[in-house]
Structures are given as structure tokens and as C-alpha cells.
Amino acid sequence: MRPLLSEQILIDLLPDWTGEKFLVISPGRAQAGWYLLSKYPQGDVQAWYGDLYEMSEAKMSALEAGRPLHFQCSSDLPEDVYDVIVMPVLKSGEAELTRELMQQAHQRLKLGGCLVVSVDNPRDTWLHEQMKPLFDKVTCQQHPHGRAYWGKKTRPLKRLRDFSCQFEFKHDDQLIKAYSRPGVFAHRKLDDGARQLLKCAEVAPSDNVLDFGCGSGAVALACAGQTTGRVFGVDANARAIECLQRGAALNGFSNVQATWNADGKLGLPVAIDVALANPPYFGDERIWQHFADSCISVMRPGGSLLIVTKQPNWFADYLDPKLDSVSIAKMGNYFIVHGWTP
């Protein structure tokens, strides 16, 4: 598989350095790490991901290519010290996440260590401006399809910015507190699709509930206030799991369990009465199938599945052979596809 354009730009423009410890923060398959391994065969090259599924895909590609990278998936960059950190950035990427990871990368560099970032935008100025407060000098190199920047750490940062957020919303006359971080779906707010999903969900006082693809956990938290049953929030994103756990603590909910999972094999201790899912609205059909099938696999007979989407016909057609009484309801700018397990 070819590298993403921003990663290829970084590979094409990466300067020569001496170093023993390297970290790759990649939006793709971490092929920049493959390149570093070829240049520094005795070096320790690590690749970091915040999402378990993305890491597993990158790890599989590296194994197939015979590239012995060390992989780590966690909420934050590894607590280690590096000579060089490389970070390809997508021009369509999330700004706050980019800023936070650049700040963390600077913290992990040794004095004299270098951060190299690239972007698939030949007219970029934004990424350049984010580099300037971190380094005394920022070098820019032009590429036909983007730009690369690098700086050398000469001093620790005087002030670190906190990019996390606590927000509140009302549901069923309860005030719910939620916690979120950059990189987690619907950072800083309750997503409107999630709000419409909650309007349609009927949670009985003892129901067991699944929030699949929970993001910051707002839906799971709202349901936890309605039932004495168990509420499970599932996500592949390490920060999503952290956010749900923090949110449960903020509200004093002891019936919430955060499950870090990417393969859909959940092994839950109880059958689910109500499953709720908010899959990517415009995404890969494999992901949509994964959301639907993972939910159905843990539901009790007669359990209720609700999916909020902007592609209702696809979900209705896919679920019709699997569920009873599949229906579509328009809710604001979204659609809720609803069905019951046989």
C-alpha cells in the first residue's frame, strides 16, 4: 500500500540526523517508520496510534513488509525520550488534535532532538504557525504536493495548554456531565445525531444497554442515568475509553463499563436489551457492517437496536434479513433505523 500523500512528502523531504530512538505519529500505515528503519537499521523505531483498529492495520502492513516496527496504542504519546519524532499531518485533519500531539511531541524530545511535521498542502501556513511557538527556529521545505517543517528542541515549554474539556447536557430531566479530548468524536459537545438517537431510545429501569462507538460516552452516560442495569460503552479509540471512564466518575455512575475493542468480539457478561450505535455518517460500508453485526451479536432475543445515520436505506436493507420490524424515522437532519432481534 502506498503511503498517504502527507507521509510520502515527509519521506521525500526527511533530513539526515544521527539518532537512536525515533517515534512516528502517522495518520496512515506508518511507512515513515519503514523509511527510518532502512536509514537507521540499528535504531529503535516506534509507531504510535490512538486508535486500536488503525494500529492493527498498520501493524499487519509492517509485518507483511518485514518491517519490525514497535507499535503502541494509548491515549497519549509514550512516556519516553526521543531523538527524532516525525508527524505527517492531513490537511483535513483535526486541528486541536494536531496541536496537542505537537505539544506532546515537544515534551518527549530530548534537548537537541528534532520534530519533523509535513502536510499535504503546498500553500500551508497554519501548520507553520503552530510550529513557531515550540521552537526557536523552524525550517520549511517545499514539496510539489505539500510542505515539511522541522525544529530542534532547545528548551522546555514554559506553559502547557490543556486541550481537554468538560461539558454538560440535559437528558430526561437529568443534567449529565461529560468529558472529552481532541481526537474523540464530538469533542466539546453533544453531537446532534447522538441527541436524536437518545430521543428515540426507550430504556427501561433495569435494561442492559450497549453504546457501540461511544466516543466521549455521552450516550452511554445519559442511558446510565435511566437504568440500574449495566451500560457498556465500546470504542477502538483509547481516548474515548478514557473519556467515558472520566464521565462516569463525574456523574457518580457505578453501572458504566468502558470496553476498548476493535474486532467486535465483545464477550459481554450479560445480554443487551437496548443497543445504540452512531457509526461514521459517510464511511466505509465495512465499518457500517461492523457496527451493526457487533451490536446484534450481543443482544438478547427481542432486544432493540437503534442506529443513527444519514444513509438510512443502506442500513434498512442490511438489517432487514437480520432483525424484525425494521423501520426508518427522520429526526432533524438524521435518520434513526430501528429493529428488534428475533
Protein backbone atom coordinates (compact mmCIF):
# COMPACT_ATOMS: atom_id res chain seq x y z
CA MET A 1 0.00 0.00 0.00
CA ARG A 2 1.33 3.43 -0.95
CA PRO A 3 1.80 5.96 1.86
CA LEU A 4 -0.70 8.75 2.30
CA LEU A 5 0.43 11.85 0.45
CA SER A 6 1.43 13.75 3.61
CA GLU A 7 3.53 10.78 4.76
CA GLN A 8 5.17 10.45 1.35
CA ILE A 9 6.05 14.16 1.47
CA LEU A 10 7.72 13.63 4.83
CA ILE A 11 9.65 10.62 3.49
CA ASP A 12 10.79 12.61 0.43
CA LEU A 13 11.97 15.60 2.46
CA LEU A 14 13.20 14.00 5.69
CA PRO A 15 16.68 15.33 6.50
CA ASP A 16 19.54 13.16 7.74
CA TRP A 17 20.07 13.03 11.50
CA THR A 18 22.03 10.99 13.92
CA GLY A 19 19.85 9.30 16.46
CA GLU A 20 18.98 6.06 18.18
CA LYS A 21 15.33 6.50 19.18
CA PHE A 22 12.61 7.54 16.76
CA LEU A 23 8.82 7.96 17.07
CA VAL A 24 6.35 8.04 14.17
CA ILE A 25 2.91 9.61 14.65
CA SER A 26 1.11 8.52 11.49
CA PRO A 27 -2.41 9.06 10.10
CA GLY A 28 -1.84 6.03 7.84
CA ARG A 29 0.30 2.87 7.94
CA ALA A 30 3.47 4.39 9.44
CA GLN A 31 5.56 3.92 6.29
CA ALA A 32 7.76 6.78 7.51
CA GLY A 33 8.89 4.27 10.13
CA TRP A 34 9.84 1.82 7.40
CA TYR A 35 11.98 4.54 5.85
CA LEU A 36 13.65 5.32 9.18
CA LEU A 37 14.42 1.63 9.70
CA SER A 38 16.14 1.48 6.32
CA LYS A 39 18.25 4.55 7.16
CA TYR A 40 18.96 3.62 10.78
CA PRO A 41 18.87 -0.21 10.92
CA GLN A 42 20.23 -0.22 14.48
CA GLY A 43 17.73 2.37 15.69
CA ASP A 44 14.67 1.88 17.85
CA VAL A 45 11.75 2.98 15.66
CA GLN A 46 8.33 3.16 17.32
CA ALA A 47 4.92 3.95 15.84
CA TRP A 48 2.15 5.42 18.00
CA TYR A 49 -1.59 5.28 17.39
CA GLY A 50 -4.55 6.47 19.39
CA ASP A 51 -6.94 4.01 17.72
CA LEU A 52 -6.70 0.25 18.18
CA TYR A 53 -8.10 -0.59 14.74
CA GLU A 54 -5.77 1.82 12.93
CA MET A 55 -2.80 0.39 14.81
CA SER A 56 -3.75 -3.20 13.97
CA GLU A 57 -3.99 -2.32 10.26
CA ALA A 58 -0.59 -0.59 10.33
CA LYS A 59 0.96 -3.45 12.29
CA MET A 60 -0.30 -6.00 9.79
CA SER A 61 1.14 -3.99 6.89
CA ALA A 62 4.50 -3.72 8.65
CA LEU A 63 4.61 -7.47 9.32
CA GLU A 64 3.75 -8.27 5.71
CA ALA A 65 6.53 -5.93 4.57
CA GLY A 66 9.04 -7.38 7.04
CA ARG A 67 9.43 -4.06 8.88
CA PRO A 68 9.97 -4.72 12.62
CA LEU A 69 8.47 -1.52 13.99
CA HIS A 70 7.44 -1.33 17.64
CA PHE A 71 3.80 -0.30 17.95
CA GLN A 72 1.95 1.30 20.83
CA CYS A 73 -1.66 2.39 21.20
CA SER A 74 -2.61 4.70 24.06
CA SER A 75 -4.38 7.96 24.92
CA ASP A 76 -1.12 9.92 24.84
CA LEU A 77 2.31 9.59 23.31
CA PRO A 78 4.62 7.12 25.06
CA GLU A 79 6.38 8.49 28.13
CA ASP A 80 9.83 8.13 26.64
CA VAL A 81 12.61 10.35 25.33
CA TYR A 82 13.28 10.52 21.58
CA ASP A 83 15.98 11.86 19.28
CA VAL A 84 13.59 12.43 16.38
CA ILE A 85 9.77 12.47 16.15
CA VAL A 86 8.10 12.56 12.73
CA MET A 87 4.48 13.50 12.24
CA PRO A 88 2.69 13.57 8.87
CA VAL A 89 -0.46 15.70 9.12
CA LEU A 90 -3.51 15.58 6.86
CA LYS A 91 -4.78 18.95 5.65
CA SER A 92 -8.24 17.63 6.51
CA GLY A 93 -7.14 16.51 9.98
CA GLU A 94 -8.43 17.74 13.32
CA ALA A 95 -6.70 20.98 14.30
CA GLU A 96 -6.89 20.57 18.08
CA LEU A 97 -5.56 17.02 17.96
CA THR A 98 -2.65 18.15 15.78
CA ARG A 99 -1.79 20.95 18.20
CA GLU A 100 -1.97 18.69 21.24
CA LEU A 101 0.19 15.97 19.67
CA MET A 102 2.78 18.54 18.58
CA GLN A 103 2.92 19.86 22.13
CA GLN A 104 3.32 16.33 23.49
CA ALA A 105 5.97 15.54 20.87
CA HIS A 106 7.99 18.55 22.01
CA GLN A 107 7.79 17.29 25.61
CA ARG A 108 9.07 13.84 24.58
CA LEU A 109 12.07 15.15 22.65
CA LYS A 110 15.45 15.25 24.32
CA LEU A 111 17.25 18.60 24.28
CA GLY A 112 18.69 18.85 20.80
CA GLY A 113 16.05 16.44 19.45
CA CYS A 114 14.04 17.28 16.32
CA LEU A 115 10.37 17.28 15.42
CA VAL A 116 9.53 16.95 11.72
CA VAL A 117 5.99 17.57 10.50
CA SER A 118 4.56 17.54 7.00
CA VAL A 119 1.23 18.38 5.39
CA ASP A 120 -0.35 17.66 2.01
CA ASN A 121 -0.97 21.35 1.28
CA PRO A 122 1.65 23.24 -0.78
CA ARG A 123 0.20 26.57 0.38
CA ASP A 124 0.15 25.73 4.09
CA THR A 125 0.68 28.47 6.63
CA TRP A 126 -1.35 27.08 9.54
CA LEU A 127 0.99 24.23 10.45
CA HIS A 128 3.96 26.58 10.17
CA GLU A 129 2.32 28.94 12.67
CA GLN A 130 1.78 26.06 15.11
CA MET A 131 5.47 25.17 14.97
CA LYS A 132 6.74 28.66 15.73
CA PRO A 133 5.84 28.80 19.47
CA LEU A 134 7.52 25.43 20.01
CA PHE A 135 10.93 26.11 18.50
CA ASP A 136 13.39 28.98 18.29
CA LYS A 137 13.87 28.30 14.59
CA VAL A 138 11.56 26.49 12.15
CA THR A 139 12.92 25.31 8.79
CA CYS A 140 10.47 24.97 5.89
CA GLN A 141 10.98 22.90 2.76
CA GLN A 142 8.62 22.99 -0.22
CA HIS A 143 7.34 19.89 -1.99
CA PRO A 144 5.23 19.87 -5.18
CA HIS A 145 2.33 18.48 -3.14
CA GLY A 146 2.91 19.97 0.30
CA ARG A 147 5.41 21.25 2.84
CA ALA A 148 7.60 19.89 5.60
CA TYR A 149 8.83 21.73 8.70
CA TRP A 150 11.33 20.87 11.37
CA GLY A 151 12.68 22.37 14.54
CA LYS A 152 15.24 21.49 17.19
CA LYS A 153 14.32 21.50 20.88
CA THR A 154 16.47 23.97 22.80
CA ARG A 155 14.39 24.39 25.95
CA PRO A 156 11.29 23.02 27.70
CA LEU A 157 7.99 24.79 27.04
CA LYS A 158 7.13 27.39 29.67
CA ARG A 159 3.40 26.72 29.54
CA LEU A 160 1.44 23.66 28.52
CA ARG A 161 -2.07 24.01 27.19
CA ASP A 162 -4.84 21.69 28.39
CA PHE A 163 -6.94 20.67 25.37
CA SER A 164 -9.46 18.58 27.32
CA CYS A 165 -12.99 19.76 28.01
CA GLN A 166 -15.82 19.09 30.43
CA PHE A 167 -19.34 19.86 29.18
CA GLU A 168 -22.91 19.31 30.33
CA PHE A 169 -26.23 18.49 28.69
CA LYS A 170 -29.74 17.65 29.84
CA HIS A 171 -31.46 14.36 29.12
CA ASP A 172 -34.71 13.11 30.62
CA ASP A 173 -34.60 15.97 33.17
CA GLN A 174 -31.13 14.92 34.30
CA LEU A 175 -28.01 17.05 33.96
CA ILE A 176 -25.27 14.83 32.54
CA LYS A 177 -21.60 15.75 32.79
CA ALA A 178 -19.24 14.58 30.05
CA TYR A 179 -15.51 14.80 29.44
CA SER A 180 -13.81 14.90 26.05
CA ARG A 181 -10.42 15.29 24.38
CA PRO A 182 -9.26 16.07 20.84
CA GLY A 183 -9.44 13.03 18.59
CA VAL A 184 -12.65 11.79 20.23
CA PHE A 185 -15.89 12.07 18.28
CA ALA A 186 -17.91 15.22 19.08
CA HIS A 187 -15.22 16.87 21.19
CA ARG A 188 -16.60 19.64 23.43
CA LYS A 189 -20.29 19.00 22.72
CA LEU A 190 -23.12 16.50 22.41
CA ASP A 191 -23.36 15.53 18.75
CA ASP A 192 -26.79 16.32 17.28
CA GLY A 193 -27.06 12.81 15.86
CA ALA A 194 -26.47 11.42 19.34
CA ARG A 195 -29.15 13.75 20.69
CA GLN A 196 -31.66 12.42 18.14
CA LEU A 197 -30.66 8.85 18.99
CA LEU A 198 -31.37 9.47 22.66
CA LYS A 199 -34.78 10.92 21.84
CA CYS A 200 -35.77 7.63 20.20
CA ALA A 201 -34.19 5.23 22.67
CA GLU A 202 -36.57 3.66 25.18
CA VAL A 203 -34.52 2.43 28.14
CA ALA A 204 -36.43 0.57 30.84
CA PRO A 205 -35.41 0.87 34.51
CA SER A 206 -33.39 -2.38 34.54
CA ASP A 207 -32.24 -2.63 30.91
CA ASN A 208 -28.69 -3.53 29.94
CA VAL A 209 -27.50 -1.04 27.33
CA LEU A 210 -24.73 -1.01 24.72
CA ASP A 211 -23.35 2.22 23.23
CA PHE A 212 -21.21 0.97 20.33
CA GLY A 213 -18.67 3.51 19.07
CA CYS A 214 -19.23 5.53 22.22
CA GLY A 215 -16.86 8.44 21.55
CA SER A 216 -16.81 10.65 24.63
CA GLY A 217 -19.52 8.43 26.11
CA ALA A 218 -22.35 10.96 26.20
CA VAL A 219 -24.99 8.46 25.04
CA ALA A 220 -23.81 5.78 27.48
CA LEU A 221 -23.84 8.29 30.34
CA ALA A 222 -27.35 9.50 29.50
CA CYS A 223 -28.59 5.90 29.49
CA ALA A 224 -26.79 5.10 32.75
CA GLY A 225 -28.97 7.67 34.47
CA GLN A 226 -32.10 5.84 33.29
CA THR A 227 -31.35 2.25 34.30
CA THR A 228 -29.99 0.20 37.16
CA GLY A 229 -28.81 -2.32 34.56
CA ARG A 230 -25.31 -2.38 33.14
CA VAL A 231 -24.25 0.12 30.48
CA PHE A 232 -21.36 -0.73 28.17
CA GLY A 233 -19.53 1.82 26.06
CA VAL A 234 -17.33 0.33 23.34
CA ASP A 235 -14.77 2.12 21.20
CA ALA A 236 -11.44 1.44 19.46
CA ASN A 237 -10.14 4.88 20.39
CA ALA A 238 -8.06 4.87 23.58
CA ARG A 239 -9.09 8.43 24.42
CA ALA A 240 -12.78 7.54 24.06
CA ILE A 241 -12.36 4.89 26.75
CA GLU A 242 -10.60 7.40 29.00
CA CYS A 243 -13.36 9.98 28.42
CA LEU A 244 -16.18 7.55 29.24
CA GLN A 245 -14.43 6.49 32.43
CA ARG A 246 -13.93 10.11 33.46
CA GLY A 247 -17.55 10.91 32.60
CA ALA A 248 -18.85 8.01 34.69
CA ALA A 249 -16.81 9.27 37.65
CA LEU A 250 -18.07 12.83 37.20
CA ASN A 251 -21.68 11.63 37.40
CA GLY A 252 -21.12 9.00 40.08
CA PHE A 253 -22.36 6.20 37.81
CA SER A 254 -21.15 2.80 39.01
CA ASN A 255 -23.06 0.83 36.34
CA VAL A 256 -20.91 2.00 33.40
CA GLN A 257 -18.18 -0.15 31.87
CA ALA A 258 -15.82 1.13 29.16
CA THR A 259 -14.65 -1.57 26.74
CA TRP A 260 -11.66 -0.98 24.48
CA ASN A 261 -12.27 -3.10 21.40
CA ALA A 262 -11.73 -3.07 17.63
CA ASP A 263 -12.73 -6.56 16.47
CA GLY A 264 -16.34 -6.66 17.70
CA LYS A 265 -15.76 -9.77 19.83
CA LEU A 266 -17.09 -8.21 23.00
CA GLY A 267 -17.67 -11.13 25.35
CA LEU A 268 -20.07 -9.11 27.49
CA PRO A 269 -21.19 -10.74 30.77
CA VAL A 270 -24.89 -10.01 30.14
CA ALA A 271 -27.20 -9.91 27.12
CA ILE A 272 -28.09 -6.47 25.82
CA ASP A 273 -31.65 -5.15 25.88
CA VAL A 274 -31.00 -1.88 24.02
CA ALA A 275 -28.11 -1.32 21.62
CA LEU A 276 -27.34 2.15 20.27
CA ALA A 277 -24.85 3.00 17.53
CA ASN A 278 -23.67 6.19 15.89
CA PRO A 279 -21.38 4.95 13.06
CA PRO A 280 -19.49 7.33 10.73
CA TYR A 281 -22.12 9.02 8.58
CA PHE A 282 -20.14 8.88 5.36
CA GLY A 283 -17.78 5.98 5.72
CA ASP A 284 -16.74 2.56 4.57
CA GLU A 285 -19.57 0.00 4.31
CA ARG A 286 -17.33 -2.48 6.12
CA ILE A 287 -17.40 -0.18 9.13
CA TRP A 288 -21.20 0.09 8.96
CA GLN A 289 -21.48 -3.70 8.84
CA HIS A 290 -19.06 -3.99 11.74
CA PHE A 291 -21.18 -1.68 13.89
CA ALA A 292 -24.43 -3.48 13.08
CA ASP A 293 -23.12 -7.04 13.40
CA SER A 294 -21.22 -6.34 16.63
CA CYS A 295 -24.37 -4.98 18.26
CA ILE A 296 -26.59 -7.81 17.09
CA SER A 297 -24.11 -10.44 18.33
CA VAL A 298 -24.60 -9.46 21.99
CA MET A 299 -28.33 -8.70 22.05
CA ARG A 300 -31.00 -10.81 23.70
CA PRO A 301 -33.98 -12.08 21.69
CA GLY A 302 -36.43 -9.20 21.38
CA GLY A 303 -33.71 -6.65 22.04
CA SER A 304 -33.90 -3.22 20.42
CA LEU A 305 -31.23 -1.86 18.04
CA LEU A 306 -31.19 1.82 17.04
CA ILE A 307 -28.69 3.30 14.60
CA VAL A 308 -28.44 7.00 13.76
CA THR A 309 -27.30 7.62 10.21
CA LYS A 310 -27.52 9.72 7.07
CA GLN A 311 -27.62 6.55 4.96
CA PRO A 312 -30.90 5.01 6.18
CA ASN A 313 -31.71 2.91 3.11
CA TRP A 314 -28.39 1.08 3.25
CA PHE A 315 -28.86 0.20 6.92
CA ALA A 316 -32.50 -0.79 6.45
CA ASP A 317 -31.60 -3.11 3.57
CA TYR A 318 -28.70 -4.62 5.51
CA LEU A 319 -30.67 -5.12 8.73
CA ASP A 320 -33.93 -6.34 7.21
CA PRO A 321 -32.83 -10.03 6.95
CA LYS A 322 -31.29 -9.90 10.43
CA LEU A 323 -33.93 -8.07 12.51
CA ASP A 324 -37.70 -7.91 12.86
CA SER A 325 -39.86 -4.87 12.02
CA VAL A 326 -37.05 -2.67 10.68
CA SER A 327 -38.21 0.94 10.36
CA ILE A 328 -36.79 4.34 9.45
CA ALA A 329 -37.69 7.56 11.29
CA LYS A 330 -36.50 11.00 10.23
CA MET A 331 -35.20 13.01 13.17
CA GLY A 332 -33.99 16.51 12.30
CA ASN A 333 -31.16 16.14 9.81
CA TYR A 334 -30.68 12.48 10.68
CA PHE A 335 -32.46 9.16 10.38
CA ILE A 336 -32.95 6.51 13.04
CA VAL A 337 -33.03 2.92 11.78
CA HIS A 338 -34.73 0.70 14.35
CA GLY A 339 -35.29 -3.03 14.60
CA TRP A 340 -35.66 -5.92 17.08
CA THR A 341 -33.68 -9.12 17.31
CA PRO A 342 -35.78 -12.24 16.55
